[in-house]
């Protein structure tokens, strides 16, 4: 581990800065509107992308978070879970394109 940090430590620092910037930026976006607005946005997005069951599940999940009075930590948790999900979702069309390009 010391060898990795000594030789490619700046790469690890860049990855850390990129991930932290993405989480901080997404957290700032999610903290801006009221929590109820975010519930409606995510429920509508879930319904549109995955169906009514997913939209209902997101409403129930956010109701549980609100019921546990974790609203101050919830945007950070949403940002931490949305960042990899967005990366995976953006890579999926590329995967389909790459599969169709086989020779």
N, C-alpha and C. Protein backbone atom coordinates (compact mmCIF):
# COMPACT_ATOMS: atom_id res chain seq x y z
N UNK A 1 0.82 -1.18 0.00
CA UNK A 1 0.00 0.00 0.00
C UNK A 1 0.87 1.26 0.00
N UNK A 2 1.96 1.19 0.75
CA UNK A 2 2.86 2.35 0.78
C UNK A 2 3.47 2.61 -0.60
N UNK A 3 3.77 1.51 -1.31
CA UNK A 3 4.34 1.67 -2.65
C UNK A 3 3.34 2.35 -3.58
N UNK A 4 2.06 1.92 -3.50
CA UNK A 4 1.03 2.54 -4.34
C UNK A 4 0.87 4.02 -4.01
N UNK A 5 0.81 4.34 -2.74
CA UNK A 5 0.65 5.74 -2.35
C UNK A 5 1.88 6.56 -2.72
N UNK A 6 3.03 5.96 -2.66
CA UNK A 6 4.24 6.68 -3.01
C UNK A 6 4.38 6.91 -4.50
N UNK A 7 3.93 5.97 -5.31
CA UNK A 7 4.13 6.07 -6.75
C UNK A 7 2.95 6.69 -7.51
N UNK A 8 1.74 6.36 -7.09
CA UNK A 8 0.58 6.95 -7.80
C UNK A 8 -0.35 7.65 -6.82
N UNK A 9 0.23 8.22 -5.77
CA UNK A 9 -0.55 8.97 -4.80
C UNK A 9 -1.33 10.13 -5.40
N UNK A 10 -0.75 10.89 -6.34
CA UNK A 10 -1.52 11.98 -6.96
C UNK A 10 -2.77 11.49 -7.70
N UNK A 11 -2.69 10.28 -8.27
CA UNK A 11 -3.88 9.73 -8.93
C UNK A 11 -4.98 9.47 -7.91
N UNK A 12 -4.61 8.90 -6.76
CA UNK A 12 -5.58 8.68 -5.70
C UNK A 12 -6.16 9.99 -5.19
N UNK A 13 -5.32 11.02 -5.08
CA UNK A 13 -5.80 12.33 -4.65
C UNK A 13 -6.78 12.92 -5.65
N UNK A 14 -6.50 12.73 -6.94
CA UNK A 14 -7.40 13.25 -7.98
C UNK A 14 -8.74 12.51 -7.94
N UNK A 15 -8.70 11.20 -7.78
CA UNK A 15 -9.95 10.43 -7.69
C UNK A 15 -10.74 10.85 -6.46
N UNK A 16 -10.06 11.05 -5.35
CA UNK A 16 -10.72 11.49 -4.13
C UNK A 16 -11.35 12.86 -4.31
N UNK A 17 -10.62 13.78 -4.93
CA UNK A 17 -11.15 15.13 -5.15
C UNK A 17 -12.35 15.10 -6.10
N UNK A 18 -12.29 14.27 -7.13
CA UNK A 18 -13.39 14.17 -8.08
C UNK A 18 -14.64 13.59 -7.41
N UNK A 19 -14.47 12.52 -6.66
CA UNK A 19 -15.61 11.91 -5.97
C UNK A 19 -16.20 12.86 -4.93
N UNK A 20 -15.33 13.51 -4.17
CA UNK A 20 -15.82 14.44 -3.15
C UNK A 20 -16.52 15.63 -3.77
N UNK A 21 -16.00 16.12 -4.87
CA UNK A 21 -16.66 17.23 -5.57
C UNK A 21 -18.02 16.84 -6.12
N UNK A 22 -18.12 15.63 -6.64
CA UNK A 22 -19.41 15.16 -7.16
C UNK A 22 -20.43 15.02 -6.04
N UNK A 23 -20.03 14.45 -4.92
CA UNK A 23 -20.94 14.28 -3.78
C UNK A 23 -21.32 15.63 -3.19
N UNK A 24 -20.36 16.54 -3.04
CA UNK A 24 -20.66 17.87 -2.49
C UNK A 24 -21.57 18.67 -3.42
N UNK A 25 -21.32 18.60 -4.72
CA UNK A 25 -22.15 19.32 -5.67
C UNK A 25 -23.57 18.78 -5.70
N UNK A 26 -23.70 17.46 -5.72
CA UNK A 26 -25.03 16.86 -5.74
C UNK A 26 -25.75 17.11 -4.42
N UNK A 27 -25.01 17.11 -3.33
CA UNK A 27 -25.61 17.40 -2.03
C UNK A 27 -26.13 18.84 -1.98
N UNK A 28 -25.38 19.77 -2.55
CA UNK A 28 -25.83 21.17 -2.58
C UNK A 28 -27.10 21.31 -3.42
N UNK A 29 -27.16 20.59 -4.54
CA UNK A 29 -28.36 20.63 -5.38
C UNK A 29 -29.55 20.05 -4.65
N UNK A 30 -29.32 18.95 -3.93
CA UNK A 30 -30.43 18.29 -3.23
C UNK A 30 -30.87 19.05 -1.98
N UNK A 31 -30.00 19.88 -1.42
CA UNK A 31 -30.37 20.67 -0.24
C UNK A 31 -31.13 21.94 -0.60
N UNK A 32 -31.07 22.35 -1.86
CA UNK A 32 -31.65 23.62 -2.24
C UNK A 32 -33.18 23.63 -2.13
N UNK A 33 -33.92 22.70 -2.77
CA UNK A 33 -35.39 22.75 -2.63
C UNK A 33 -35.84 22.08 -1.32
N UNK A 34 -37.13 22.27 -1.04
CA UNK A 34 -37.70 21.64 0.15
C UNK A 34 -37.75 20.12 -0.02
N UNK A 35 -37.79 19.41 1.09
CA UNK A 35 -37.77 17.94 1.06
C UNK A 35 -38.98 17.38 0.31
N UNK A 36 -40.14 17.99 0.47
CA UNK A 36 -41.33 17.50 -0.21
C UNK A 36 -41.20 17.61 -1.72
N UNK A 37 -40.57 18.67 -2.19
CA UNK A 37 -40.34 18.84 -3.62
C UNK A 37 -39.43 17.73 -4.14
N UNK A 38 -38.40 17.39 -3.36
CA UNK A 38 -37.49 16.32 -3.77
C UNK A 38 -38.20 14.97 -3.80
N UNK A 39 -39.10 14.73 -2.86
CA UNK A 39 -39.86 13.48 -2.86
C UNK A 39 -40.68 13.37 -4.13
N UNK A 40 -41.35 14.45 -4.50
CA UNK A 40 -42.17 14.44 -5.71
C UNK A 40 -41.30 14.25 -6.95
N UNK A 41 -40.16 14.93 -7.00
CA UNK A 41 -39.26 14.81 -8.16
C UNK A 41 -38.74 13.38 -8.30
N UNK A 42 -38.25 12.80 -7.21
CA UNK A 42 -37.71 11.45 -7.28
C UNK A 42 -38.79 10.41 -7.54
N UNK A 43 -39.98 10.61 -6.96
CA UNK A 43 -41.08 9.68 -7.22
C UNK A 43 -41.49 9.74 -8.69
N UNK A 44 -41.60 10.93 -9.24
CA UNK A 44 -41.96 11.07 -10.65
C UNK A 44 -40.87 10.49 -11.56
N UNK A 45 -39.63 10.74 -11.22
CA UNK A 45 -38.53 10.19 -12.00
C UNK A 45 -38.51 8.66 -11.92
N UNK A 46 -38.73 8.11 -10.73
CA UNK A 46 -38.79 6.66 -10.58
C UNK A 46 -39.96 6.05 -11.33
N UNK A 47 -41.11 6.71 -11.29
CA UNK A 47 -42.28 6.22 -12.00
C UNK A 47 -42.02 6.24 -13.51
N UNK A 48 -41.43 7.30 -13.98
CA UNK A 48 -41.16 7.43 -15.42
C UNK A 48 -40.13 6.41 -15.91
N UNK A 49 -39.08 6.19 -15.11
CA UNK A 49 -38.00 5.31 -15.55
C UNK A 49 -38.29 3.83 -15.28
N UNK A 50 -38.89 3.51 -14.13
CA UNK A 50 -39.02 2.11 -13.75
C UNK A 50 -40.45 1.64 -13.55
N UNK A 51 -41.42 2.54 -13.43
CA UNK A 51 -42.80 2.11 -13.22
C UNK A 51 -43.36 2.63 -11.91
N UNK A 52 -44.65 2.38 -11.74
CA UNK A 52 -45.34 2.95 -10.58
C UNK A 52 -44.87 2.31 -9.27
N UNK A 53 -44.47 1.04 -9.29
CA UNK A 53 -44.01 0.39 -8.06
C UNK A 53 -42.73 1.04 -7.54
N UNK A 54 -41.83 1.36 -8.45
CA UNK A 54 -40.58 2.02 -8.05
C UNK A 54 -40.86 3.42 -7.52
N UNK A 55 -41.77 4.15 -8.17
CA UNK A 55 -42.14 5.49 -7.69
C UNK A 55 -42.76 5.44 -6.31
N UNK A 56 -43.63 4.46 -6.10
CA UNK A 56 -44.25 4.30 -4.79
C UNK A 56 -43.22 3.91 -3.74
N UNK A 57 -42.28 3.05 -4.13
CA UNK A 57 -41.22 2.66 -3.20
C UNK A 57 -40.35 3.83 -2.80
N UNK A 58 -40.09 4.74 -3.74
CA UNK A 58 -39.28 5.91 -3.38
C UNK A 58 -40.04 6.83 -2.43
N UNK A 59 -41.35 6.97 -2.63
CA UNK A 59 -42.16 7.78 -1.70
C UNK A 59 -42.13 7.16 -0.31
N UNK A 60 -42.28 5.85 -0.25
CA UNK A 60 -42.26 5.16 1.05
C UNK A 60 -40.88 5.31 1.70
N UNK A 61 -39.83 5.16 0.92
CA UNK A 61 -38.48 5.30 1.46
C UNK A 61 -38.23 6.69 2.02
N UNK A 62 -38.66 7.71 1.30
CA UNK A 62 -38.46 9.07 1.79
C UNK A 62 -39.36 9.36 2.99
N UNK A 63 -40.54 8.72 3.06
CA UNK A 63 -41.41 8.88 4.23
C UNK A 63 -40.75 8.26 5.45
N UNK A 64 -40.08 7.13 5.27
CA UNK A 64 -39.37 6.51 6.39
C UNK A 64 -38.23 7.41 6.85
N UNK A 65 -37.48 7.96 5.91
CA UNK A 65 -36.39 8.87 6.27
C UNK A 65 -36.93 10.07 7.03
N UNK A 66 -38.05 10.63 6.56
CA UNK A 66 -38.65 11.78 7.23
C UNK A 66 -39.18 11.38 8.61
N UNK A 67 -39.76 10.18 8.69
CA UNK A 67 -40.28 9.71 9.96
C UNK A 67 -39.19 9.46 11.00
N UNK A 68 -38.01 9.11 10.54
CA UNK A 68 -36.90 8.90 11.45
C UNK A 68 -36.18 10.19 11.81
N UNK A 69 -36.66 11.29 11.26
CA UNK A 69 -36.10 12.62 11.51
C UNK A 69 -34.62 12.68 11.13
N UNK A 70 -34.33 12.16 9.96
CA UNK A 70 -32.96 12.17 9.44
C UNK A 70 -32.85 13.11 8.25
N UNK A 71 -33.67 14.13 8.23
CA UNK A 71 -33.73 14.99 7.05
C UNK A 71 -32.44 15.76 6.81
N UNK A 72 -31.66 16.03 7.84
CA UNK A 72 -30.42 16.76 7.62
C UNK A 72 -29.34 15.88 6.98
N UNK A 73 -29.35 14.59 7.28
CA UNK A 73 -28.36 13.69 6.71
C UNK A 73 -28.85 13.05 5.41
N UNK A 74 -30.15 13.13 5.13
CA UNK A 74 -30.71 12.48 3.95
C UNK A 74 -30.15 13.02 2.64
N UNK A 75 -29.97 14.33 2.45
CA UNK A 75 -29.40 14.79 1.17
C UNK A 75 -28.00 14.26 0.93
N UNK A 76 -27.20 14.12 1.97
CA UNK A 76 -25.87 13.56 1.79
C UNK A 76 -25.98 12.10 1.39
N UNK A 77 -26.91 11.38 2.01
CA UNK A 77 -27.11 9.97 1.67
C UNK A 77 -27.64 9.84 0.24
N UNK A 78 -28.55 10.72 -0.16
CA UNK A 78 -29.06 10.69 -1.53
C UNK A 78 -27.94 10.99 -2.51
N UNK A 79 -27.11 11.95 -2.19
CA UNK A 79 -26.00 12.28 -3.08
C UNK A 79 -25.01 11.13 -3.17
N UNK A 80 -24.75 10.48 -2.06
CA UNK A 80 -23.81 9.36 -2.07
C UNK A 80 -24.34 8.18 -2.87
N UNK A 81 -25.66 8.00 -2.88
CA UNK A 81 -26.21 6.88 -3.63
C UNK A 81 -26.52 7.27 -5.07
N UNK A 82 -26.81 8.53 -5.33
CA UNK A 82 -27.15 8.95 -6.69
C UNK A 82 -25.92 9.09 -7.58
N UNK A 83 -24.78 9.44 -7.01
CA UNK A 83 -23.58 9.63 -7.82
C UNK A 83 -23.16 8.35 -8.53
N UNK A 84 -23.02 7.21 -7.83
CA UNK A 84 -22.68 5.99 -8.57
C UNK A 84 -23.80 5.52 -9.48
N UNK A 85 -25.06 5.77 -9.07
CA UNK A 85 -26.18 5.36 -9.92
C UNK A 85 -26.17 6.14 -11.23
N UNK A 86 -25.87 7.43 -11.15
CA UNK A 86 -25.80 8.23 -12.37
C UNK A 86 -24.65 7.78 -13.24
N UNK A 87 -23.53 7.42 -12.64
CA UNK A 87 -22.40 6.93 -13.42
C UNK A 87 -22.75 5.61 -14.11
N UNK A 88 -23.42 4.73 -13.39
CA UNK A 88 -23.82 3.45 -13.98
C UNK A 88 -24.86 3.65 -15.07
N UNK A 89 -25.79 4.55 -14.84
CA UNK A 89 -26.83 4.80 -15.85
C UNK A 89 -26.26 5.43 -17.11
N UNK A 90 -25.25 6.28 -16.96
CA UNK A 90 -24.67 6.90 -18.14
C UNK A 90 -23.79 5.91 -18.90
N UNK A 91 -23.29 4.89 -18.23
CA UNK A 91 -22.47 3.89 -18.90
C UNK A 91 -23.27 2.83 -19.62
N UNK A 92 -24.53 2.68 -19.26
CA UNK A 92 -25.35 1.63 -19.86
C UNK A 92 -25.57 1.81 -21.36
N UNK A 93 -25.90 3.01 -21.86
CA UNK A 93 -26.03 3.15 -23.32
C UNK A 93 -24.72 2.85 -24.05
N UNK A 94 -23.60 3.20 -23.45
CA UNK A 94 -22.31 2.89 -24.06
C UNK A 94 -22.10 1.38 -24.12
N UNK A 95 -22.53 0.67 -23.09
CA UNK A 95 -22.40 -0.78 -23.08
C UNK A 95 -23.23 -1.40 -24.20
N UNK A 96 -24.46 -0.92 -24.39
CA UNK A 96 -25.30 -1.44 -25.47
C UNK A 96 -24.68 -1.13 -26.84
N UNK A 97 -24.13 0.05 -26.97
CA UNK A 97 -23.48 0.41 -28.24
C UNK A 97 -22.29 -0.49 -28.48
N UNK A 98 -21.50 -0.73 -27.44
CA UNK A 98 -20.30 -1.57 -27.60
C UNK A 98 -20.68 -3.01 -27.93
N UNK A 99 -21.75 -3.50 -27.35
CA UNK A 99 -22.19 -4.87 -27.66
C UNK A 99 -22.67 -4.99 -29.10
N UNK A 100 -23.31 -3.96 -29.59
CA UNK A 100 -23.82 -4.03 -30.96
C UNK A 100 -22.71 -3.87 -31.99
N UNK A 101 -21.54 -3.42 -31.58
CA UNK A 101 -20.44 -3.17 -32.50
C UNK A 101 -19.47 -4.36 -32.60
N UNK A 102 -19.83 -5.50 -32.02
CA UNK A 102 -18.95 -6.67 -32.08
C UNK A 102 -18.73 -7.10 -33.50
N UNK A 103 -17.53 -7.58 -33.78
CA UNK A 103 -17.23 -8.07 -35.13
C UNK A 103 -16.91 -9.54 -35.11
